[in-house]
């Protein structure tokens, strides 16, 4: 769509603004990943290779967005756009993976708390039944 001559000017302008918005979002992702590196420590953060791979994908997508902005009229950019889309799909998969891991961890914590409460109540019930 970006390279089609038949696109009305308004849509072309909207696409151009969306590219800037996407670049800004990628910048936020880069800051987020850098803060993660700082918070967990570089060595600990790098112990999971997916973090590094995620950083490479986001940084590559950011650089490619900058290339798209500067070479807006070049038709060779179509292959770069395909790579960019693949990288963003990877990022989406990573976000979904982290979300499911977090939900699973919360569920496990809740289950452990409930099991502890059940054990506590069973002991209370046993003590009450022994006193009667």
C-alpha atoms as a PDB file:
ATOM      1  CA  UNK A   1       0.000   0.000   0.000  1.00  0.00           C
ATOM      2  CA  UNK A   2       2.769   2.443   0.791  1.00  0.00           C
ATOM      3  CA  UNK A   3       4.155   2.411  -2.764  1.00  0.00           C
ATOM      4  CA  UNK A   4       0.925   2.485  -4.749  1.00  0.00           C
ATOM      5  CA  UNK A   5       0.459   5.678  -6.804  1.00  0.00           C
ATOM      6  CA  UNK A   6      -3.340   5.398  -6.654  1.00  0.00           C
ATOM      7  CA  UNK A   7      -3.600   5.999  -2.899  1.00  0.00           C
ATOM      8  CA  UNK A   8      -5.387   9.224  -1.967  1.00  0.00           C
ATOM      9  CA  UNK A   9      -3.201  11.785  -0.226  1.00  0.00           C
ATOM     10  CA  UNK A  10      -5.074  11.529   3.118  1.00  0.00           C
ATOM     11  CA  UNK A  11      -4.500   7.777   3.385  1.00  0.00           C
ATOM     12  CA  UNK A  12      -0.872   8.163   2.370  1.00  0.00           C
ATOM     13  CA  UNK A  13      -0.443  10.794   5.071  1.00  0.00           C
ATOM     14  CA  UNK A  14      -2.139   8.531   7.647  1.00  0.00           C
ATOM     15  CA  UNK A  15       0.219   5.690   6.738  1.00  0.00           C
ATOM     16  CA  UNK A  16       3.152   8.053   7.118  1.00  0.00           C
ATOM     17  CA  UNK A  17       1.954   9.046  10.616  1.00  0.00           C
ATOM     18  CA  UNK A  18       1.443   5.397  11.548  1.00  0.00           C
ATOM     19  CA  UNK A  19       5.061   4.698  10.656  1.00  0.00           C
ATOM     20  CA  UNK A  20       6.109   7.436  13.100  1.00  0.00           C
ATOM     21  CA  UNK A  21       3.808   6.014  15.777  1.00  0.00           C
ATOM     22  CA  UNK A  22       5.214   2.515  15.227  1.00  0.00           C
ATOM     23  CA  UNK A  23       8.735   3.904  15.566  1.00  0.00           C
ATOM     24  CA  UNK A  24       7.774   5.573  18.832  1.00  0.00           C
ATOM     25  CA  UNK A  25       6.281   2.349  20.182  1.00  0.00           C
ATOM     26  CA  UNK A  26       9.435   0.457  19.248  1.00  0.00           C
ATOM     27  CA  UNK A  27      11.428   3.120  21.073  1.00  0.00           C
ATOM     28  CA  UNK A  28       9.323   2.476  24.172  1.00  0.00           C
ATOM     29  CA  UNK A  29      10.005  -1.268  23.817  1.00  0.00           C
ATOM     30  CA  UNK A  30      13.740  -0.582  23.629  1.00  0.00           C
ATOM     31  CA  UNK A  31      13.563   1.526  26.798  1.00  0.00           C
ATOM     32  CA  UNK A  32      11.544  -1.239  28.491  1.00  0.00           C
ATOM     33  CA  UNK A  33      14.118  -3.880  27.585  1.00  0.00           C
ATOM     34  CA  UNK A  34      16.978  -1.652  28.760  1.00  0.00           C
ATOM     35  CA  UNK A  35      15.184  -1.113  32.080  1.00  0.00           C
ATOM     36  CA  UNK A  36      14.756  -4.884  32.390  1.00  0.00           C
ATOM     37  CA  UNK A  37      18.503  -5.319  31.833  1.00  0.00           C
ATOM     38  CA  UNK A  38      19.189  -2.754  34.541  1.00  0.00           C
ATOM     39  CA  UNK A  39      16.626  -4.166  37.002  1.00  0.00           C
ATOM     40  CA  UNK A  40      17.638  -7.817  36.682  1.00  0.00           C
ATOM     41  CA  UNK A  41      21.322  -7.198  36.031  1.00  0.00           C
ATOM     42  CA  UNK A  42      22.856  -7.767  32.631  1.00  0.00           C
ATOM     43  CA  UNK A  43      24.206 -11.241  33.438  1.00  0.00           C
ATOM     44  CA  UNK A  44      20.895 -12.474  34.894  1.00  0.00           C
ATOM     45  CA  UNK A  45      18.910 -10.903  32.047  1.00  0.00           C
ATOM     46  CA  UNK A  46      21.110 -12.559  29.425  1.00  0.00           C
ATOM     47  CA  UNK A  47      20.778 -15.960  31.100  1.00  0.00           C
ATOM     48  CA  UNK A  48      17.496 -16.362  29.187  1.00  0.00           C
ATOM     49  CA  UNK A  49      18.401 -16.302  25.492  1.00  0.00           C
ATOM     50  CA  UNK A  50      14.865 -15.264  24.563  1.00  0.00           C
ATOM     51  CA  UNK A  51      15.428 -11.878  26.189  1.00  0.00           C
ATOM     52  CA  UNK A  52      18.438 -11.279  23.971  1.00  0.00           C
ATOM     53  CA  UNK A  53      16.609 -12.512  20.908  1.00  0.00           C
ATOM     54  CA  UNK A  54      13.672 -10.252  21.744  1.00  0.00           C
ATOM     55  CA  UNK A  55      16.040  -7.291  22.102  1.00  0.00           C
ATOM     56  CA  UNK A  56      17.584  -8.036  18.700  1.00  0.00           C
ATOM     57  CA  UNK A  57      14.133  -8.244  17.091  1.00  0.00           C
ATOM     58  CA  UNK A  58      12.962  -4.959  18.611  1.00  0.00           C
ATOM     59  CA  UNK A  59      16.209  -3.155  17.812  1.00  0.00           C
ATOM     60  CA  UNK A  60      16.181  -4.490  14.237  1.00  0.00           C
ATOM     61  CA  UNK A  61      12.565  -3.430  13.783  1.00  0.00           C
ATOM     62  CA  UNK A  62      13.435   0.020  15.142  1.00  0.00           C
ATOM     63  CA  UNK A  63      16.362   0.406  12.743  1.00  0.00           C
ATOM     64  CA  UNK A  64      14.232  -0.822   9.845  1.00  0.00           C
ATOM     65  CA  UNK A  65      11.529   1.699  10.728  1.00  0.00           C
ATOM     66  CA  UNK A  66      14.142   4.450  10.587  1.00  0.00           C
ATOM     67  CA  UNK A  67      15.254   3.111   7.196  1.00  0.00           C
ATOM     68  CA  UNK A  68      11.638   3.135   5.997  1.00  0.00           C
ATOM     69  CA  UNK A  69      11.252   6.746   7.100  1.00  0.00           C
ATOM     70  CA  UNK A  70      14.420   7.869   5.324  1.00  0.00           C
ATOM     71  CA  UNK A  71      13.937   5.776   2.160  1.00  0.00           C
ATOM     72  CA  UNK A  72      10.165   6.209   1.932  1.00  0.00           C
ATOM     73  CA  UNK A  73       9.981   6.148  -1.899  1.00  0.00           C
ATOM     74  CA  UNK A  74      12.420   3.290  -2.542  1.00  0.00           C
ATOM     75  CA  UNK A  75      10.723   0.108  -3.812  1.00  0.00           C
ATOM     76  CA  UNK A  76      13.520  -2.095  -2.425  1.00  0.00           C
ATOM     77  CA  UNK A  77      12.037  -1.426   0.952  1.00  0.00           C
ATOM     78  CA  UNK A  78       9.261  -3.982   0.356  1.00  0.00           C
ATOM     79  CA  UNK A  79      11.590  -6.826   1.340  1.00  0.00           C
ATOM     80  CA  UNK A  80      12.570  -4.926   4.473  1.00  0.00           C
ATOM     81  CA  UNK A  81       8.897  -4.513   5.336  1.00  0.00           C
ATOM     82  CA  UNK A  82       8.461  -8.302   5.158  1.00  0.00           C
ATOM     83  CA  UNK A  83      11.318  -8.745   7.616  1.00  0.00           C
ATOM     84  CA  UNK A  84       9.815  -6.084   9.833  1.00  0.00           C
ATOM     85  CA  UNK A  85       6.449  -7.855   9.878  1.00  0.00           C
ATOM     86  CA  UNK A  86       8.107 -11.155  10.781  1.00  0.00           C
ATOM     87  CA  UNK A  87       9.952  -9.469  13.638  1.00  0.00           C
ATOM     88  CA  UNK A  88       6.796  -7.888  14.942  1.00  0.00           C
ATOM     89  CA  UNK A  89       5.005 -11.214  14.822  1.00  0.00           C
ATOM     90  CA  UNK A  90       7.827 -12.643  16.917  1.00  0.00           C
ATOM     91  CA  UNK A  91       7.388  -9.775  19.385  1.00  0.00           C
ATOM     92  CA  UNK A  92       3.656 -10.482  19.571  1.00  0.00           C
ATOM     93  CA  UNK A  93       4.330 -14.152  20.260  1.00  0.00           C
ATOM     94  CA  UNK A  94       6.810 -13.188  22.997  1.00  0.00           C
ATOM     95  CA  UNK A  95       4.302 -10.846  24.644  1.00  0.00           C
ATOM     96  CA  UNK A  96       1.654 -13.579  24.586  1.00  0.00           C
ATOM     97  CA  UNK A  97       4.163 -16.071  26.026  1.00  0.00           C
ATOM     98  CA  UNK A  98       5.166 -13.765  28.885  1.00  0.00           C
ATOM     99  CA  UNK A  99       1.511 -13.016  29.610  1.00  0.00           C
ATOM    100  CA  UNK A 100       0.618 -16.697  29.854  1.00  0.00           C
ATOM    101  CA  UNK A 101       3.665 -17.362  32.055  1.00  0.00           C
ATOM    102  CA  UNK A 102       2.616 -14.572  34.399  1.00  0.00           C
ATOM    103  CA  UNK A 103      -0.965 -15.804  34.582  1.00  0.00           C
ATOM    104  CA  UNK A 104       0.243 -19.360  35.226  1.00  0.00           C
ATOM    105  CA  UNK A 105       2.536 -18.156  38.006  1.00  0.00           C
ATOM    106  CA  UNK A 106      -0.304 -16.199  39.613  1.00  0.00           C
ATOM    107  CA  UNK A 107      -2.529 -19.270  39.381  1.00  0.00           C
ATOM    108  CA  UNK A 108       0.113 -21.496  40.987  1.00  0.00           C
ATOM    109  CA  UNK A 109       0.605 -18.997  43.816  1.00  0.00           C
ATOM    110  CA  UNK A 110      -3.137 -18.842  44.419  1.00  0.00           C
ATOM    111  CA  UNK A 111      -3.400 -22.644  44.426  1.00  0.00           C
ATOM    112  CA  UNK A 112      -0.533 -22.909  46.939  1.00  0.00           C
ATOM    113  CA  UNK A 113      -2.219 -20.381  49.252  1.00  0.00           C
ATOM    114  CA  UNK A 114      -5.495 -22.282  49.065  1.00  0.00           C
ATOM    115  CA  UNK A 115      -3.753 -25.598  49.809  1.00  0.00           C
ATOM    116  CA  UNK A 116      -2.087 -24.045  52.862  1.00  0.00           C
ATOM    117  CA  UNK A 117      -5.445 -22.716  54.038  1.00  0.00           C
ATOM    118  CA  UNK A 118      -7.050 -26.151  53.568  1.00  0.00           C
ATOM    119  CA  UNK A 119      -4.252 -27.780  55.629  1.00  0.00           C
ATOM    120  CA  UNK A 120      -4.690 -25.162  58.346  1.00  0.00           C
ATOM    121  CA  UNK A 121      -8.470 -25.668  58.452  1.00  0.00           C
ATOM    122  CA  UNK A 122      -8.082 -29.463  58.496  1.00  0.00           C
ATOM    123  CA  UNK A 123      -5.767 -29.156  61.513  1.00  0.00           C
ATOM    124  CA  UNK A 124      -8.268 -26.869  63.232  1.00  0.00           C
ATOM    125  CA  UNK A 125     -11.069 -29.327  62.502  1.00  0.00           C
ATOM    126  CA  UNK A 126      -8.962 -32.189  63.829  1.00  0.00           C
ATOM    127  CA  UNK A 127      -8.222 -30.250  67.039  1.00  0.00           C
ATOM    128  CA  UNK A 128     -11.902 -29.413  67.508  1.00  0.00           C
ATOM    129  CA  UNK A 129     -12.964 -33.024  66.963  1.00  0.00           C
ATOM    130  CA  UNK A 130     -10.310 -34.276  69.437  1.00  0.00           C
ATOM    131  CA  UNK A 131     -11.498 -31.928  72.196  1.00  0.00           C
ATOM    132  CA  UNK A 132     -15.086 -33.155  71.906  1.00  0.00           C
END
